[in-house]
Every structure is written in structure tokens, then in C-alpha cells.
N, C-alpha and C. Protein backbone atom coordinates (compact mmCIF):
# COMPACT_ATOMS: atom_id res chain seq x y z
N UNK A 1 -5.06 52.22 -10.80
CA UNK A 1 -4.03 51.97 -9.79
C UNK A 1 -3.52 50.53 -9.86
N UNK A 2 -4.39 49.60 -10.17
CA UNK A 2 -3.95 48.21 -10.27
C UNK A 2 -3.06 48.01 -11.49
N UNK A 3 -3.24 48.83 -12.54
CA UNK A 3 -2.38 48.74 -13.71
C UNK A 3 -0.97 49.17 -13.35
N UNK A 4 -0.84 50.17 -12.49
CA UNK A 4 0.48 50.61 -12.04
C UNK A 4 1.14 49.50 -11.25
N UNK A 5 0.40 48.86 -10.34
CA UNK A 5 0.96 47.78 -9.54
C UNK A 5 1.40 46.61 -10.41
N UNK A 6 0.66 46.33 -11.47
CA UNK A 6 1.02 45.24 -12.37
C UNK A 6 2.26 45.56 -13.18
N UNK A 7 2.54 46.85 -13.39
CA UNK A 7 3.69 47.25 -14.20
C UNK A 7 4.99 47.32 -13.41
N UNK A 8 4.91 47.27 -12.08
CA UNK A 8 6.12 47.36 -11.26
C UNK A 8 6.93 46.08 -11.45
N UNK A 9 8.25 46.22 -11.71
CA UNK A 9 9.06 45.06 -12.08
C UNK A 9 9.58 44.25 -10.88
N UNK A 10 8.68 43.69 -10.08
CA UNK A 10 9.10 42.77 -9.03
C UNK A 10 8.02 41.72 -8.83
N UNK A 11 8.43 40.60 -8.30
CA UNK A 11 7.50 39.50 -8.06
C UNK A 11 7.06 39.57 -6.61
N UNK A 12 5.79 39.59 -6.38
CA UNK A 12 5.25 39.68 -5.04
C UNK A 12 4.75 38.30 -4.62
N UNK A 13 5.43 37.68 -3.65
CA UNK A 13 5.00 36.36 -3.21
C UNK A 13 4.07 36.43 -2.01
N UNK A 14 4.11 37.51 -1.23
CA UNK A 14 3.21 37.69 -0.08
C UNK A 14 3.23 39.14 0.35
N UNK A 15 2.14 39.56 0.97
CA UNK A 15 2.06 40.91 1.53
C UNK A 15 1.63 40.79 2.98
N UNK A 16 2.40 41.41 3.85
CA UNK A 16 2.11 41.39 5.28
C UNK A 16 1.91 42.83 5.73
N UNK A 17 0.69 43.17 6.11
CA UNK A 17 0.38 44.50 6.62
C UNK A 17 0.42 44.44 8.14
N UNK A 18 1.29 45.23 8.75
CA UNK A 18 1.45 45.27 10.20
C UNK A 18 0.98 46.62 10.70
N UNK A 19 -0.07 46.62 11.51
CA UNK A 19 -0.66 47.86 11.99
C UNK A 19 -0.71 47.87 13.51
N UNK A 20 -0.45 49.03 14.07
CA UNK A 20 -0.55 49.20 15.51
C UNK A 20 -1.97 49.64 15.85
N UNK A 21 -2.58 48.99 16.82
CA UNK A 21 -3.93 49.43 17.20
C UNK A 21 -3.88 50.78 17.91
N UNK A 22 -4.65 51.72 17.40
CA UNK A 22 -4.76 53.04 18.02
C UNK A 22 -6.24 53.34 18.16
N UNK A 23 -6.56 54.17 19.09
CA UNK A 23 -7.96 54.50 19.33
C UNK A 23 -8.59 55.06 18.05
N UNK A 24 -9.54 54.34 17.50
CA UNK A 24 -10.20 54.75 16.27
C UNK A 24 -9.39 54.47 15.02
N UNK A 25 -8.09 54.21 15.16
CA UNK A 25 -7.23 54.00 14.00
C UNK A 25 -7.41 52.64 13.35
N UNK A 26 -7.70 51.62 14.16
CA UNK A 26 -7.83 50.27 13.60
C UNK A 26 -9.03 50.18 12.68
N UNK A 27 -10.14 50.80 13.06
CA UNK A 27 -11.33 50.73 12.23
C UNK A 27 -11.10 51.41 10.89
N UNK A 28 -10.47 52.58 10.90
CA UNK A 28 -10.19 53.30 9.66
C UNK A 28 -9.21 52.52 8.80
N UNK A 29 -8.13 52.04 9.41
CA UNK A 29 -7.13 51.28 8.66
C UNK A 29 -7.74 50.01 8.08
N UNK A 30 -8.57 49.34 8.87
CA UNK A 30 -9.21 48.12 8.41
C UNK A 30 -10.10 48.40 7.20
N UNK A 31 -10.84 49.48 7.25
CA UNK A 31 -11.73 49.82 6.13
C UNK A 31 -10.93 50.17 4.88
N UNK A 32 -9.87 50.94 5.04
CA UNK A 32 -9.03 51.31 3.89
C UNK A 32 -8.41 50.06 3.27
N UNK A 33 -7.88 49.17 4.11
CA UNK A 33 -7.28 47.94 3.59
C UNK A 33 -8.32 47.03 2.96
N UNK A 34 -9.51 46.96 3.55
CA UNK A 34 -10.56 46.11 2.99
C UNK A 34 -10.90 46.55 1.57
N UNK A 35 -11.05 47.86 1.38
CA UNK A 35 -11.35 48.38 0.04
C UNK A 35 -10.20 48.05 -0.91
N UNK A 36 -8.97 48.24 -0.44
CA UNK A 36 -7.81 47.93 -1.28
C UNK A 36 -7.70 46.46 -1.61
N UNK A 37 -7.88 45.60 -0.60
CA UNK A 37 -7.75 44.16 -0.81
C UNK A 37 -8.87 43.64 -1.70
N UNK A 38 -10.05 44.24 -1.63
CA UNK A 38 -11.14 43.82 -2.52
C UNK A 38 -10.78 43.99 -3.99
N UNK A 39 -9.85 44.89 -4.29
CA UNK A 39 -9.44 45.11 -5.67
C UNK A 39 -8.32 44.15 -6.11
N UNK A 40 -7.79 43.38 -5.17
CA UNK A 40 -6.75 42.41 -5.51
C UNK A 40 -7.36 41.24 -6.25
N UNK A 41 -6.54 40.59 -7.03
CA UNK A 41 -6.98 39.35 -7.66
C UNK A 41 -7.05 38.26 -6.59
N UNK A 42 -7.69 37.15 -6.90
CA UNK A 42 -7.77 36.04 -5.93
C UNK A 42 -6.38 35.56 -5.56
N UNK A 43 -5.51 35.49 -6.52
CA UNK A 43 -4.11 35.08 -6.30
C UNK A 43 -3.43 35.98 -5.27
N UNK A 44 -3.67 37.28 -5.35
CA UNK A 44 -3.07 38.22 -4.39
C UNK A 44 -3.74 38.16 -3.02
N UNK A 45 -5.06 37.98 -3.00
CA UNK A 45 -5.78 37.95 -1.71
C UNK A 45 -5.35 36.80 -0.83
N UNK A 46 -5.10 35.63 -1.39
CA UNK A 46 -4.72 34.48 -0.56
C UNK A 46 -3.31 34.62 -0.03
N UNK A 47 -2.54 35.54 -0.55
CA UNK A 47 -1.16 35.77 -0.09
C UNK A 47 -1.03 37.04 0.75
N UNK A 48 -2.15 37.56 1.21
CA UNK A 48 -2.16 38.78 1.99
C UNK A 48 -2.50 38.48 3.44
N UNK A 49 -1.69 38.99 4.36
CA UNK A 49 -1.95 38.82 5.79
C UNK A 49 -2.00 40.19 6.45
N UNK A 50 -2.88 40.33 7.42
CA UNK A 50 -3.08 41.57 8.14
C UNK A 50 -2.90 41.31 9.62
N UNK A 51 -1.99 42.05 10.25
CA UNK A 51 -1.70 41.87 11.68
C UNK A 51 -1.92 43.18 12.41
N UNK A 52 -2.47 43.07 13.62
CA UNK A 52 -2.61 44.21 14.53
C UNK A 52 -1.86 43.86 15.80
N UNK A 53 -1.12 44.81 16.36
CA UNK A 53 -0.45 44.58 17.63
C UNK A 53 0.66 45.58 17.88
N UNK A 54 1.33 45.40 19.01
CA UNK A 54 2.47 46.25 19.34
C UNK A 54 3.64 45.85 18.44
N UNK A 55 4.71 46.63 18.49
CA UNK A 55 5.88 46.31 17.66
C UNK A 55 6.40 44.92 17.97
N UNK A 56 6.44 44.56 19.24
CA UNK A 56 6.94 43.23 19.63
C UNK A 56 6.00 42.13 19.13
N UNK A 57 4.69 42.33 19.27
CA UNK A 57 3.74 41.33 18.78
C UNK A 57 3.83 41.16 17.27
N UNK A 58 4.03 42.27 16.56
CA UNK A 58 4.14 42.19 15.11
C UNK A 58 5.40 41.44 14.70
N UNK A 59 6.49 41.64 15.44
CA UNK A 59 7.73 40.89 15.16
C UNK A 59 7.50 39.40 15.36
N UNK A 60 6.77 39.01 16.41
CA UNK A 60 6.48 37.59 16.65
C UNK A 60 5.63 37.01 15.52
N UNK A 61 4.64 37.78 15.04
CA UNK A 61 3.82 37.31 13.91
C UNK A 61 4.69 37.06 12.69
N UNK A 62 5.58 38.01 12.38
CA UNK A 62 6.42 37.87 11.20
C UNK A 62 7.43 36.74 11.35
N UNK A 63 8.01 36.60 12.54
CA UNK A 63 8.94 35.48 12.76
C UNK A 63 8.23 34.15 12.57
N UNK A 64 6.99 34.07 13.02
CA UNK A 64 6.20 32.84 12.85
C UNK A 64 5.97 32.49 11.39
N UNK A 65 6.03 33.47 10.52
CA UNK A 65 5.89 33.25 9.07
C UNK A 65 7.25 33.05 8.39
N UNK A 66 8.33 33.02 9.19
CA UNK A 66 9.65 32.80 8.63
C UNK A 66 10.33 34.05 8.12
N UNK A 67 9.84 35.22 8.49
CA UNK A 67 10.42 36.48 8.03
C UNK A 67 11.42 36.95 9.09
N UNK A 68 12.70 37.10 8.73
CA UNK A 68 13.69 37.54 9.73
C UNK A 68 13.45 39.00 10.12
N UNK A 69 13.38 39.24 11.41
CA UNK A 69 13.08 40.60 11.88
C UNK A 69 14.33 41.35 12.30
N UNK A 70 15.47 40.68 12.37
CA UNK A 70 16.69 41.37 12.80
C UNK A 70 17.25 42.30 11.75
N UNK A 71 16.81 42.19 10.51
CA UNK A 71 17.29 43.08 9.45
C UNK A 71 16.29 44.17 9.11
N UNK A 72 15.21 44.27 9.86
CA UNK A 72 14.22 45.31 9.60
C UNK A 72 14.72 46.65 10.12
N UNK A 73 14.37 47.73 9.45
CA UNK A 73 14.91 49.04 9.83
C UNK A 73 14.21 49.70 11.01
N UNK A 74 13.55 48.92 11.87
CA UNK A 74 12.95 49.45 13.10
C UNK A 74 13.29 48.52 14.26
N UNK A 75 13.41 49.09 15.47
CA UNK A 75 13.67 48.27 16.64
C UNK A 75 12.35 47.89 17.32
N UNK A 76 12.44 47.21 18.48
CA UNK A 76 11.25 46.74 19.17
C UNK A 76 10.34 47.88 19.63
N UNK A 77 10.91 49.08 19.79
CA UNK A 77 10.13 50.22 20.23
C UNK A 77 9.56 51.03 19.07
N UNK A 78 9.83 50.61 17.83
CA UNK A 78 9.33 51.32 16.66
C UNK A 78 10.22 52.44 16.18
N UNK A 79 11.41 52.57 16.76
CA UNK A 79 12.34 53.62 16.33
C UNK A 79 13.05 53.21 15.05
N UNK A 80 13.24 54.15 14.17
CA UNK A 80 13.89 53.90 12.89
C UNK A 80 15.39 53.68 13.08
N UNK A 81 15.91 52.60 12.52
CA UNK A 81 17.34 52.30 12.55
C UNK A 81 17.92 52.72 11.21
N UNK A 82 18.46 53.92 11.16
CA UNK A 82 18.89 54.49 9.89
C UNK A 82 20.04 53.74 9.25
N UNK A 83 20.91 53.11 10.03
CA UNK A 83 22.04 52.40 9.43
C UNK A 83 21.55 51.21 8.60
N UNK A 84 20.58 50.48 9.11
CA UNK A 84 20.03 49.34 8.36
C UNK A 84 19.26 49.84 7.15
N UNK A 85 18.48 50.88 7.32
CA UNK A 85 17.70 51.44 6.22
C UNK A 85 18.61 51.96 5.11
N UNK A 86 19.65 52.70 5.48
CA UNK A 86 20.56 53.24 4.48
C UNK A 86 21.32 52.15 3.76
N UNK A 87 21.76 51.11 4.47
CA UNK A 87 22.48 50.02 3.79
C UNK A 87 21.56 49.31 2.81
N UNK A 88 20.27 49.17 3.14
CA UNK A 88 19.32 48.54 2.23
C UNK A 88 19.17 49.40 0.97
N UNK A 89 19.00 50.72 1.15
CA UNK A 89 18.87 51.61 -0.01
C UNK A 89 20.11 51.57 -0.89
N UNK A 90 21.28 51.64 -0.29
CA UNK A 90 22.52 51.63 -1.07
C UNK A 90 22.70 50.31 -1.81
N UNK A 91 22.37 49.20 -1.15
CA UNK A 91 22.50 47.89 -1.79
C UNK A 91 21.62 47.80 -3.03
N UNK A 92 20.35 48.19 -2.88
CA UNK A 92 19.42 48.08 -4.00
C UNK A 92 19.68 49.14 -5.08
N UNK A 93 20.19 50.28 -4.68
CA UNK A 93 20.54 51.31 -5.67
C UNK A 93 21.71 50.80 -6.52
N UNK A 94 22.72 50.19 -5.86
CA UNK A 94 23.86 49.67 -6.59
C UNK A 94 23.48 48.53 -7.52
N UNK A 95 22.53 47.69 -7.08
CA UNK A 95 22.08 46.59 -7.94
C UNK A 95 21.36 47.12 -9.18
N UNK A 96 20.60 48.18 -9.02
CA UNK A 96 19.87 48.76 -10.16
C UNK A 96 20.81 49.42 -11.14
N UNK A 97 21.94 49.93 -10.67
CA UNK A 97 22.87 50.65 -11.54
C UNK A 97 23.88 49.73 -12.24
N UNK A 98 23.79 48.44 -12.02
CA UNK A 98 24.74 47.51 -12.68
C UNK A 98 24.38 47.30 -14.12
């Protein structure tokens, strides 16, 4: 699986995992991510952040890291904003087809 990740043609400067705490869900998610992160190289591990919280708390965490949240395809309530999502897909599809 790590060979597949290494073959993907993009540069990864940071990974931010945003998880909502759910009864019993945080422990399972934490364990799954721990196993996955253990397989990362040291270079990847130091650039990985894990956040737990509500949608609003997660937005504040990301804003604090300089990540703009107004262009994300979800609103504060976690609802999918299809217009933003579709424009992102069309933009990147058009860039790939050039």
C-alpha cells in the first residue's frame, strides 16, 4: 500500500485528519490511524496532524494552521456543498486534460 502512495503523482506537504468524536468511534478511528501512521516514514509522520472535534472546532483548528475553510465542500453543520465540490472536480479534471 505504501508503494501505491509513493507512486501517486502529487507532493504531500502535510496531512490533516479531522475526525468527529462519536461514542466508541474515536477509539476505533484512533487505532486505525495509529496503525496507518506507524507505516509512514519519519518525514511523513512529522507532517501529520490529527484533530477531534465538532465541525466548527475542526474549522478553527484548520484556520489556525493557515488552511482556508471557506472553500471546503462542507458547511459548519457538516452538510455537503455540492457547488463547491463540483467546481473543484471540474477545475482539476480540466487541468488534467490539458
